[in-house]
C-alpha atoms as a PDB file:
ATOM      1  CA  MET A   1      96.656 116.463 106.171  1.00  0.00           C
ATOM      2  CA  VAL A   2      97.171 117.602 102.884  1.00  0.00           C
ATOM      3  CA  SER A   3      97.454 121.700 102.945  1.00  0.00           C
ATOM      4  CA  ILE A   4      96.105 124.079  99.987  1.00  0.00           C
ATOM      5  CA  ASP A   5      97.353 127.118 101.622  1.00  0.00           C
ATOM      6  CA  SER A   6      99.723 127.082  98.158  1.00  0.00           C
ATOM      7  CA  ASP A   7      99.369 126.641  94.650  1.00  0.00           C
ATOM      8  CA  LEU A   8     101.542 123.700  94.249  1.00  0.00           C
ATOM      9  CA  GLY A   9      99.565 122.188  97.897  1.00  0.00           C
ATOM     10  CA  LEU A  10      96.250 122.820  96.260  1.00  0.00           C
ATOM     11  CA  ALA A  11      97.818 120.424  92.671  1.00  0.00           C
ATOM     12  CA  ALA A  12      98.553 117.879  95.754  1.00  0.00           C
ATOM     13  CA  ALA A  13      94.978 117.693  97.077  1.00  0.00           C
ATOM     14  CA  VAL A  14      93.962 117.765  93.604  1.00  0.00           C
ATOM     15  CA  VAL A  15      96.208 114.754  92.401  1.00  0.00           C
ATOM     16  CA  TYR A  16      95.316 112.867  95.790  1.00  0.00           C
ATOM     17  CA  THR A  17      91.462 113.261  95.380  1.00  0.00           C
ATOM     18  CA  VAL A  18      91.392 111.773  91.848  1.00  0.00           C
ATOM     19  CA  PHE A  19      94.047 108.702  93.089  1.00  0.00           C
ATOM     20  CA  LEU A  20      91.235 107.807  95.454  1.00  0.00           C
ATOM     21  CA  LEU A  21      88.079 108.554  93.112  1.00  0.00           C
ATOM     22  CA  VAL A  22      89.595 106.421  90.013  1.00  0.00           C
ATOM     23  CA  ALA A  23      90.393 104.294  93.217  1.00  0.00           C
ATOM     24  CA  ALA A  24      86.719 104.070  94.548  1.00  0.00           C
ATOM     25  CA  VAL A  25      85.378 103.772  90.811  1.00  0.00           C
ATOM     26  CA  GLY A  26      87.303 101.149  89.901  1.00  0.00           C
ATOM     27  CA  ASP A  27      86.138  99.462  93.038  1.00  0.00           C
ATOM     28  CA  ILE A  28      82.623  99.467  92.295  1.00  0.00           C
ATOM     29  CA  ARG A  29      83.161  98.359  88.399  1.00  0.00           C
ATOM     30  CA  THR A  30      85.494  95.561  89.699  1.00  0.00           C
ATOM     31  CA  ARG A  31      85.927  95.107  93.124  1.00  0.00           C
ATOM     32  CA  ARG A  32      89.843  95.358  92.663  1.00  0.00           C
ATOM     33  CA  ILE A  33      91.607  98.543  93.686  1.00  0.00           C
ATOM     34  CA  PRO A  34      95.302  98.183  91.373  1.00  0.00           C
ATOM     35  CA  ASN A  35      98.378  97.351  93.143  1.00  0.00           C
ATOM     36  CA  ARG A  36      99.884  99.982  90.902  1.00  0.00           C
ATOM     37  CA  LEU A  37      97.627 102.721  91.930  1.00  0.00           C
ATOM     38  CA  VAL A  38      98.363 102.177  95.360  1.00  0.00           C
ATOM     39  CA  LEU A  39     101.973 102.258  95.204  1.00  0.00           C
ATOM     40  CA  VAL A  40     102.030 106.079  93.054  1.00  0.00           C
ATOM     41  CA  LEU A  41      99.575 107.047  95.402  1.00  0.00           C
ATOM     42  CA  THR A  42     101.909 105.722  98.542  1.00  0.00           C
ATOM     43  CA  VAL A  43     105.628 107.022  96.789  1.00  0.00           C
ATOM     44  CA  LEU A  44     104.041 110.714  96.182  1.00  0.00           C
ATOM     45  CA  GLY A  45     102.019 110.793 100.117  1.00  0.00           C
ATOM     46  CA  LEU A  46     105.255 109.461 101.034  1.00  0.00           C
ATOM     47  CA  THR A  47     106.995 112.666  98.699  1.00  0.00           C
ATOM     48  CA  TYR A  48     104.530 115.076  99.843  1.00  0.00           C
ATOM     49  CA  SER A  49     105.274 114.550 103.720  1.00  0.00           C
ATOM     50  CA  ILE A  50     108.439 115.253 102.954  1.00  0.00           C
ATOM     51  CA  TRP A  51     108.169 118.122 101.494  1.00  0.00           C
ATOM     52  CA  ALA A  52     105.072 119.916 103.070  1.00  0.00           C
ATOM     53  CA  THR A  53     107.697 119.619 106.271  1.00  0.00           C
ATOM     54  CA  PRO A  54     111.382 119.625 106.837  1.00  0.00           C
ATOM     55  CA  VAL A  55     112.917 115.936 106.051  1.00  0.00           C
ATOM     56  CA  LEU A  56     112.429 113.797 109.394  1.00  0.00           C
ATOM     57  CA  PRO A  57     109.453 115.098 110.277  1.00  0.00           C
ATOM     58  CA  GLY A  58     107.860 114.660 106.971  1.00  0.00           C
ATOM     59  CA  VAL A  59     109.205 110.870 106.772  1.00  0.00           C
ATOM     60  CA  LEU A  60     107.973 110.350 110.197  1.00  0.00           C
ATOM     61  CA  ARG A  61     104.681 111.653 109.337  1.00  0.00           C
ATOM     62  CA  GLY A  62     104.062 110.133 106.150  1.00  0.00           C
ATOM     63  CA  THR A  63     105.061 106.545 107.864  1.00  0.00           C
ATOM     64  CA  GLY A  64     103.056 107.265 110.640  1.00  0.00           C
ATOM     65  CA  GLY A  65     100.010 107.870 108.607  1.00  0.00           C
ATOM     66  CA  LEU A  66     100.578 105.006 106.203  1.00  0.00           C
ATOM     67  CA  ILE A  67     101.221 102.779 110.113  1.00  0.00           C
ATOM     68  CA  THR A  68      98.169 104.024 110.909  1.00  0.00           C
ATOM     69  CA  GLY A  69      96.030 103.867 108.176  1.00  0.00           C
ATOM     70  CA  PHE A  70      96.537 100.399 108.065  1.00  0.00           C
ATOM     71  CA  ALA A  71      96.584  99.451 111.958  1.00  0.00           C
ATOM     72  CA  CYS A  72      92.825 101.413 111.490  1.00  0.00           C
ATOM     73  CA  TRP A  73      91.390  98.791 109.225  1.00  0.00           C
ATOM     74  CA  ILE A  74      93.556  95.536 109.171  1.00  0.00           C
ATOM     75  CA  PRO A  75      91.647  94.208 112.190  1.00  0.00           C
ATOM     76  CA  PHE A  76      88.414  93.890 109.602  1.00  0.00           C
ATOM     77  CA  TYR A  77      90.832  92.249 106.503  1.00  0.00           C
ATOM     78  CA  VAL A  78      91.471  89.708 109.347  1.00  0.00           C
ATOM     79  CA  LEU A  79      88.191  89.140 109.818  1.00  0.00           C
ATOM     80  CA  GLY A  80      87.132  88.671 106.581  1.00  0.00           C
ATOM     81  CA  TRP A  81      85.213  91.574 105.956  1.00  0.00           C
ATOM     82  CA  LEU A  82      87.243  94.145 103.997  1.00  0.00           C
ATOM     83  CA  GLY A  83      89.646  92.776 101.075  1.00  0.00           C
ATOM     84  CA  ALA A  84      93.091  93.363 100.915  1.00  0.00           C
ATOM     85  CA  GLY A  85      93.319  96.441  98.398  1.00  0.00           C
ATOM     86  CA  ASP A  86      91.043  98.129 100.615  1.00  0.00           C
ATOM     87  CA  ILE A  87      93.308  98.527 103.381  1.00  0.00           C
ATOM     88  CA  LYS A  88      96.437  99.170 101.049  1.00  0.00           C
ATOM     89  CA  LEU A  89      94.633 101.749  99.796  1.00  0.00           C
ATOM     90  CA  TYR A  90      93.556 103.757 103.156  1.00  0.00           C
ATOM     91  CA  ALA A  91      97.209 102.834 104.464  1.00  0.00           C
ATOM     92  CA  ALA A  92      98.354 104.964 101.061  1.00  0.00           C
ATOM     93  CA  ALA A  93      96.125 107.932 101.198  1.00  0.00           C
ATOM     94  CA  ALA A  94      96.798 108.136 105.329  1.00  0.00           C
ATOM     95  CA  SER A  95     100.606 108.509 104.162  1.00  0.00           C
ATOM     96  CA  TRP A  96      99.319 111.953 103.011  1.00  0.00           C
ATOM     97  CA  LEU A  97      97.410 112.667 106.074  1.00  0.00           C
ATOM     98  CA  GLY A  98      99.849 111.772 108.938  1.00  0.00           C
ATOM     99  CA  PRO A  99      98.647 109.850 111.855  1.00  0.00           C
ATOM    100  CA  LEU A 100      96.007 111.901 113.460  1.00  0.00           C
ATOM    101  CA  HIS A 101      94.161 112.665 109.912  1.00  0.00           C
ATOM    102  CA  ALA A 102      94.923 109.012 109.493  1.00  0.00           C
ATOM    103  CA  LEU A 103      92.329 108.279 112.394  1.00  0.00           C
ATOM    104  CA  GLU A 104      89.798 111.463 111.571  1.00  0.00           C
ATOM    105  CA  GLY A 105      89.390 109.752 107.923  1.00  0.00           C
ATOM    106  CA  ALA A 106      89.128 106.394 108.933  1.00  0.00           C
ATOM    107  CA  LEU A 107      86.396 107.460 111.805  1.00  0.00           C
ATOM    108  CA  ILE A 108      84.806 109.491 109.036  1.00  0.00           C
ATOM    109  CA  ALA A 109      84.716 106.035 106.637  1.00  0.00           C
ATOM    110  CA  ALA A 110      83.783 104.328 109.289  1.00  0.00           C
ATOM    111  CA  VAL A 111      80.367 106.552 108.918  1.00  0.00           C
ATOM    112  CA  SER A 112      80.304 106.449 105.461  1.00  0.00           C
ATOM    113  CA  GLY A 113      80.600 102.666 105.280  1.00  0.00           C
ATOM    114  CA  ALA A 114      77.976 102.447 107.614  1.00  0.00           C
ATOM    115  CA  VAL A 115      75.405 104.559 105.097  1.00  0.00           C
ATOM    116  CA  LEU A 116      76.539 103.313 102.062  1.00  0.00           C
ATOM    117  CA  ALA A 117      76.183  99.458 103.416  1.00  0.00           C
ATOM    118  CA  LEU A 118      72.111 100.174 104.252  1.00  0.00           C
ATOM    119  CA  ILE A 119      72.190 102.397 100.877  1.00  0.00           C
ATOM    120  CA  TRP A 120      73.873  98.890  99.037  1.00  0.00           C
ATOM    121  CA  MET A 121      71.583  96.622 101.102  1.00  0.00           C
ATOM    122  CA  ILE A 122      68.403  98.611 100.021  1.00  0.00           C
ATOM    123  CA  TRP A 123      69.590  98.935  96.516  1.00  0.00           C
ATOM    124  CA  THR A 124      70.451  94.987  96.441  1.00  0.00           C
ATOM    125  CA  SER A 125      68.098  93.722  98.373  1.00  0.00           C
ATOM    126  CA  GLY A 126      65.004  95.816  98.043  1.00  0.00           C
ATOM    127  CA  ALA A 127      63.807  98.069 100.874  1.00  0.00           C
ATOM    128  CA  LYS A 128      61.397  95.132 101.833  1.00  0.00           C
ATOM    129  CA  ASN A 129      64.069  92.818 103.008  1.00  0.00           C
ATOM    130  CA  VAL A 130      66.159  95.371 104.447  1.00  0.00           C
ATOM    131  CA  ALA A 131      65.120  93.882 108.041  1.00  0.00           C
ATOM    132  CA  SER A 132      66.201  90.469 107.178  1.00  0.00           C
ATOM    133  CA  THR A 133      69.366  91.382 105.217  1.00  0.00           C
ATOM    134  CA  LEU A 134      70.590  93.662 108.419  1.00  0.00           C
ATOM    135  CA  ALA A 135      69.685  90.217 111.039  1.00  0.00           C
ATOM    136  CA  ILE A 136      71.767  88.116 108.291  1.00  0.00           C
ATOM    137  CA  ALA A 137      74.335  90.977 107.991  1.00  0.00           C
ATOM    138  CA  ALA A 138      74.796  90.698 111.512  1.00  0.00           C
ATOM    139  CA  ALA A 139      75.070  87.430 112.110  1.00  0.00           C
ATOM    140  CA  ARG A 140      76.967  86.706 109.184  1.00  0.00           C
ATOM    141  CA  PRO A 141      79.162  90.023 108.291  1.00  0.00           C
ATOM    142  CA  THR A 142      81.503  88.469 105.257  1.00  0.00           C
ATOM    143  CA  MET A 143      78.287  88.433 103.598  1.00  0.00           C
ATOM    144  CA  LEU A 144      79.557  92.708 102.658  1.00  0.00           C
ATOM    145  CA  ALA A 145      82.941  91.418 101.687  1.00  0.00           C
ATOM    146  CA  PRO A 146      84.389  90.021  98.476  1.00  0.00           C
ATOM    147  CA  GLY A 147      82.932  87.117  97.294  1.00  0.00           C
ATOM    148  CA  SER A 148      85.279  84.492  94.747  1.00  0.00           C
ATOM    149  CA  ASN A 149      82.723  84.497  91.682  1.00  0.00           C
ATOM    150  CA  THR A 150      81.299  87.476  89.689  1.00  0.00           C
ATOM    151  CA  VAL A 151      77.838  86.923  91.171  1.00  0.00           C
ATOM    152  CA  ALA A 152      78.734  87.153  95.092  1.00  0.00           C
ATOM    153  CA  ILE A 153      81.238  89.808  93.921  1.00  0.00           C
ATOM    154  CA  ARG A 154      78.507  91.949  92.473  1.00  0.00           C
ATOM    155  CA  LYS A 155      76.227  91.456  95.649  1.00  0.00           C
ATOM    156  CA  THR A 156      79.325  92.971  97.901  1.00  0.00           C
ATOM    157  CA  LEU A 157      79.674  96.727  98.665  1.00  0.00           C
ATOM    158  CA  PRO A 158      83.068  98.161  97.455  1.00  0.00           C
ATOM    159  CA  TYR A 159      83.666  99.775 100.349  1.00  0.00           C
ATOM    160  CA  GLY A 160      86.971 100.864  98.799  1.00  0.00           C
ATOM    161  CA  VAL A 161      83.921 104.258  98.116  1.00  0.00           C
ATOM    162  CA  ALA A 162      83.744 104.816 101.934  1.00  0.00           C
ATOM    163  CA  LEU A 163      88.021 104.705 102.511  1.00  0.00           C
ATOM    164  CA  ALA A 164      88.101 107.076  99.718  1.00  0.00           C
ATOM    165  CA  ILE A 165      85.490 109.354 101.308  1.00  0.00           C
ATOM    166  CA  GLY A 166      87.241 109.411 104.573  1.00  0.00           C
ATOM    167  CA  ALA A 167      90.340 110.175 103.131  1.00  0.00           C
ATOM    168  CA  ILE A 168      89.094 112.982 101.190  1.00  0.00           C
ATOM    169  CA  VAL A 169      87.298 114.619 103.451  1.00  0.00           C
ATOM    170  CA  ALA A 170      90.450 114.071 106.248  1.00  0.00           C
ATOM    171  CA  ALA A 171      92.450 115.972 103.461  1.00  0.00           C
ATOM    172  CA  TRP A 172      89.786 118.461 102.568  1.00  0.00           C
ATOM    173  CA  MET A 173      88.233 119.286 106.102  1.00  0.00           C
ATOM    174  CA  PRO A 174      91.193 118.559 108.450  1.00  0.00           C
ATOM    175  CA  GLY A 175      89.721 119.015 112.008  1.00  0.00           C
ATOM    176  CA  LEU A 176      86.382 118.048 111.361  1.00  0.00           C
ATOM    177  CA  LEU A 177      85.906 115.356 113.866  1.00  0.00           C
ATOM    178  CA  LEU A 178      89.605 115.454 115.488  1.00  0.00           C
END
């Protein structure tokens, strides 16, 4: 969890939020999340975890969050439902949160993702076609995953947005679900 109990903690929470918002906007625009952004977010997250707690518990918290965040979403990458950038982004964000809040953020992201997917299907297919789109998505979930050409990519859901929402809510409202 990102602590906002001090001025430095509040500044860290704002930096964390800005990085995630930049990633979400980039995902909407290009369906890509830059590795540099993920790397900086990870390094800052591990540094924050060590700063917020004593060194060894901080290292354990940061790496535990990173591993938990990765483990929550890697099955969806393996199934072809999410891109690698999405997985890396959430793992980086989770390095700030620690394992428990990374799990909480993943749950919030899953709910956010479901809502965004429904909105996305209505927007891209029209309200009349939602039932058929849902049936197709149930049969072929990869239709929501990144495609290889620009037209196909524009029709995919930028799931980095849902992941960013989950991570931000878990940071600013810890204990909301767990």
